[in-house]
Amino acid sequence: MPQKPTCPMTHKETVDRYFLEHRAKLLDIASFLDRLDRSESVEKDYRIDSLLKCIQVLLEENRGRTETILNILSDSSTDPIDIAHEQGASGAPKPTNP
């Protein structure tokens, strides 16, 4: 049974309405990555690792990209922590040490 489209706009209408907005977002991400490349020190950072995983997901042909990216950027732990070591969210879960 064919899956019913869930977007009321046509492909062309969607592109016409949203392309420039998302073009700007891509340029913003590229600028951020260029800034990192130009920094004096290079450090391993779990947030950048998560961002790069998300970029790989964007390149896949898959209708579940949004859910996959949300899962990459979400903390799926269920155990409460004793103390918060940071104020605010970091935007990506820190890897757990086995």
C-alpha atoms as a PDB file:
ATOM      1  CA  MET A   1       0.000   0.000   0.000  1.00  0.00           C
ATOM      2  CA  PRO A   2       1.585   3.327  -1.029  1.00  0.00           C
ATOM      3  CA  GLN A   3       2.362   5.758   1.747  1.00  0.00           C
ATOM      4  CA  LYS A   4       0.246   8.909   1.651  1.00  0.00           C
ATOM      5  CA  PRO A   5       2.260  12.154   1.474  1.00  0.00           C
ATOM      6  CA  THR A   6       2.130  14.177   4.672  1.00  0.00           C
ATOM      7  CA  CYS A   7       3.169  17.546   3.249  1.00  0.00           C
ATOM      8  CA  PRO A   8       0.311  19.558   1.739  1.00  0.00           C
ATOM      9  CA  MET A   9       2.702  21.408  -0.607  1.00  0.00           C
ATOM     10  CA  THR A  10       4.139  20.064  -3.825  1.00  0.00           C
ATOM     11  CA  HIS A  11       7.847  19.397  -4.108  1.00  0.00           C
ATOM     12  CA  LYS A  12       8.330  22.636  -6.077  1.00  0.00           C
ATOM     13  CA  GLU A  13       6.281  24.684  -3.586  1.00  0.00           C
ATOM     14  CA  THR A  14       8.371  23.308  -0.721  1.00  0.00           C
ATOM     15  CA  VAL A  15      11.637  24.110  -2.493  1.00  0.00           C
ATOM     16  CA  ASP A  16      10.436  27.571  -3.511  1.00  0.00           C
ATOM     17  CA  ARG A  17       9.371  28.400   0.039  1.00  0.00           C
ATOM     18  CA  TYR A  18      12.246  26.934   2.076  1.00  0.00           C
ATOM     19  CA  PHE A  19      15.363  26.633  -0.106  1.00  0.00           C
ATOM     20  CA  LEU A  20      16.942  30.020   0.681  1.00  0.00           C
ATOM     21  CA  GLU A  21      16.374  29.591   4.423  1.00  0.00           C
ATOM     22  CA  HIS A  22      18.138  26.233   4.450  1.00  0.00           C
ATOM     23  CA  ARG A  23      20.860  27.391   2.090  1.00  0.00           C
ATOM     24  CA  ALA A  24      21.733  30.011   4.713  1.00  0.00           C
ATOM     25  CA  LYS A  25      21.781  27.364   7.451  1.00  0.00           C
ATOM     26  CA  LEU A  26      24.213  25.237   5.436  1.00  0.00           C
ATOM     27  CA  LEU A  27      26.505  28.223   4.953  1.00  0.00           C
ATOM     28  CA  ASP A  28      26.330  28.890   8.685  1.00  0.00           C
ATOM     29  CA  ILE A  29      27.404  25.311   9.468  1.00  0.00           C
ATOM     30  CA  ALA A  30      30.199  25.500   6.882  1.00  0.00           C
ATOM     31  CA  SER A  31      31.431  28.759   8.441  1.00  0.00           C
ATOM     32  CA  PHE A  32      31.414  27.176  11.906  1.00  0.00           C
ATOM     33  CA  LEU A  33      33.445  24.192  10.687  1.00  0.00           C
ATOM     34  CA  ASP A  34      35.875  26.522   8.866  1.00  0.00           C
ATOM     35  CA  ARG A  35      36.349  28.484  12.107  1.00  0.00           C
ATOM     36  CA  LEU A  36      37.195  25.252  13.915  1.00  0.00           C
ATOM     37  CA  ASP A  37      39.692  24.336  11.185  1.00  0.00           C
ATOM     38  CA  ARG A  38      41.385  27.730  11.565  1.00  0.00           C
ATOM     39  CA  SER A  39      41.635  27.611  15.360  1.00  0.00           C
ATOM     40  CA  GLU A  40      45.109  27.361  16.839  1.00  0.00           C
ATOM     41  CA  SER A  41      44.408  24.206  18.788  1.00  0.00           C
ATOM     42  CA  VAL A  42      42.577  21.095  17.701  1.00  0.00           C
ATOM     43  CA  GLU A  43      40.739  19.268  20.430  1.00  0.00           C
ATOM     44  CA  LYS A  44      38.473  16.235  20.335  1.00  0.00           C
ATOM     45  CA  ASP A  45      34.958  17.300  21.270  1.00  0.00           C
ATOM     46  CA  TYR A  46      31.946  15.025  21.581  1.00  0.00           C
ATOM     47  CA  ARG A  47      29.622  17.794  20.351  1.00  0.00           C
ATOM     48  CA  ILE A  48      31.512  18.124  17.079  1.00  0.00           C
ATOM     49  CA  ASP A  49      31.566  14.332  16.739  1.00  0.00           C
ATOM     50  CA  SER A  50      27.771  14.364  17.127  1.00  0.00           C
ATOM     51  CA  LEU A  51      27.406  17.175  14.592  1.00  0.00           C
ATOM     52  CA  LEU A  52      29.505  15.267  12.043  1.00  0.00           C
ATOM     53  CA  LYS A  53      27.392  12.130  12.608  1.00  0.00           C
ATOM     54  CA  CYS A  54      24.296  14.228  11.935  1.00  0.00           C
ATOM     55  CA  ILE A  55      25.789  15.574   8.707  1.00  0.00           C
ATOM     56  CA  GLN A  56      26.376  11.982   7.562  1.00  0.00           C
ATOM     57  CA  VAL A  57      22.713  11.196   8.289  1.00  0.00           C
ATOM     58  CA  LEU A  58      21.674  14.170   6.145  1.00  0.00           C
ATOM     59  CA  LEU A  59      23.452  12.597   3.187  1.00  0.00           C
ATOM     60  CA  GLU A  60      21.445   9.373   3.465  1.00  0.00           C
ATOM     61  CA  GLU A  61      18.230   8.881   1.540  1.00  0.00           C
ATOM     62  CA  ASN A  62      15.932   8.098   4.425  1.00  0.00           C
ATOM     63  CA  ARG A  63      12.588   9.500   5.498  1.00  0.00           C
ATOM     64  CA  GLY A  64      13.597   9.126   9.132  1.00  0.00           C
ATOM     65  CA  ARG A  65      16.493  11.612   9.108  1.00  0.00           C
ATOM     66  CA  THR A  66      14.890  13.946  11.644  1.00  0.00           C
ATOM     67  CA  GLU A  67      14.255  11.164  14.158  1.00  0.00           C
ATOM     68  CA  THR A  68      17.748   9.723  13.661  1.00  0.00           C
ATOM     69  CA  ILE A  69      19.391  13.115  14.209  1.00  0.00           C
ATOM     70  CA  LEU A  70      17.218  13.817  17.234  1.00  0.00           C
ATOM     71  CA  ASN A  71      18.334  10.501  18.720  1.00  0.00           C
ATOM     72  CA  ILE A  72      22.009  11.313  18.054  1.00  0.00           C
ATOM     73  CA  LEU A  73      21.632  14.648  19.850  1.00  0.00           C
ATOM     74  CA  SER A  74      19.503  13.342  22.733  1.00  0.00           C
ATOM     75  CA  ASP A  75      20.593  11.949  26.065  1.00  0.00           C
ATOM     76  CA  SER A  76      18.928   8.557  26.318  1.00  0.00           C
ATOM     77  CA  SER A  77      20.134   7.785  29.839  1.00  0.00           C
ATOM     78  CA  THR A  78      17.457   7.007  32.374  1.00  0.00           C
ATOM     79  CA  ASP A  79      19.449   6.966  35.610  1.00  0.00           C
ATOM     80  CA  PRO A  80      19.414  10.194  37.634  1.00  0.00           C
ATOM     81  CA  ILE A  81      22.748  11.915  38.157  1.00  0.00           C
ATOM     82  CA  ASP A  82      24.060  12.917  41.586  1.00  0.00           C
ATOM     83  CA  ILE A  83      25.150  16.401  40.556  1.00  0.00           C
ATOM     84  CA  ALA A  84      25.074  18.483  37.406  1.00  0.00           C
ATOM     85  CA  HIS A  85      28.611  19.374  36.355  1.00  0.00           C
ATOM     86  CA  GLU A  86      27.488  21.997  33.850  1.00  0.00           C
ATOM     87  CA  GLN A  87      24.923  24.725  33.848  1.00  0.00           C
ATOM     88  CA  GLY A  88      22.534  24.314  30.938  1.00  0.00           C
ATOM     89  CA  ALA A  89      22.431  21.793  28.163  1.00  0.00           C
ATOM     90  CA  SER A  90      25.383  21.012  25.916  1.00  0.00           C
ATOM     91  CA  GLY A  91      23.263  20.080  22.894  1.00  0.00           C
ATOM     92  CA  ALA A  92      24.612  16.554  22.563  1.00  0.00           C
ATOM     93  CA  PRO A  93      25.097  13.746  25.051  1.00  0.00           C
ATOM     94  CA  LYS A  94      28.562  13.105  26.406  1.00  0.00           C
ATOM     95  CA  PRO A  95      29.762   9.613  25.568  1.00  0.00           C
ATOM     96  CA  THR A  96      29.636   7.232  28.473  1.00  0.00           C
ATOM     97  CA  ASN A  97      32.816   5.497  29.556  1.00  0.00           C
ATOM     98  CA  PRO A  98      32.383   1.712  29.803  1.00  0.00           C
END
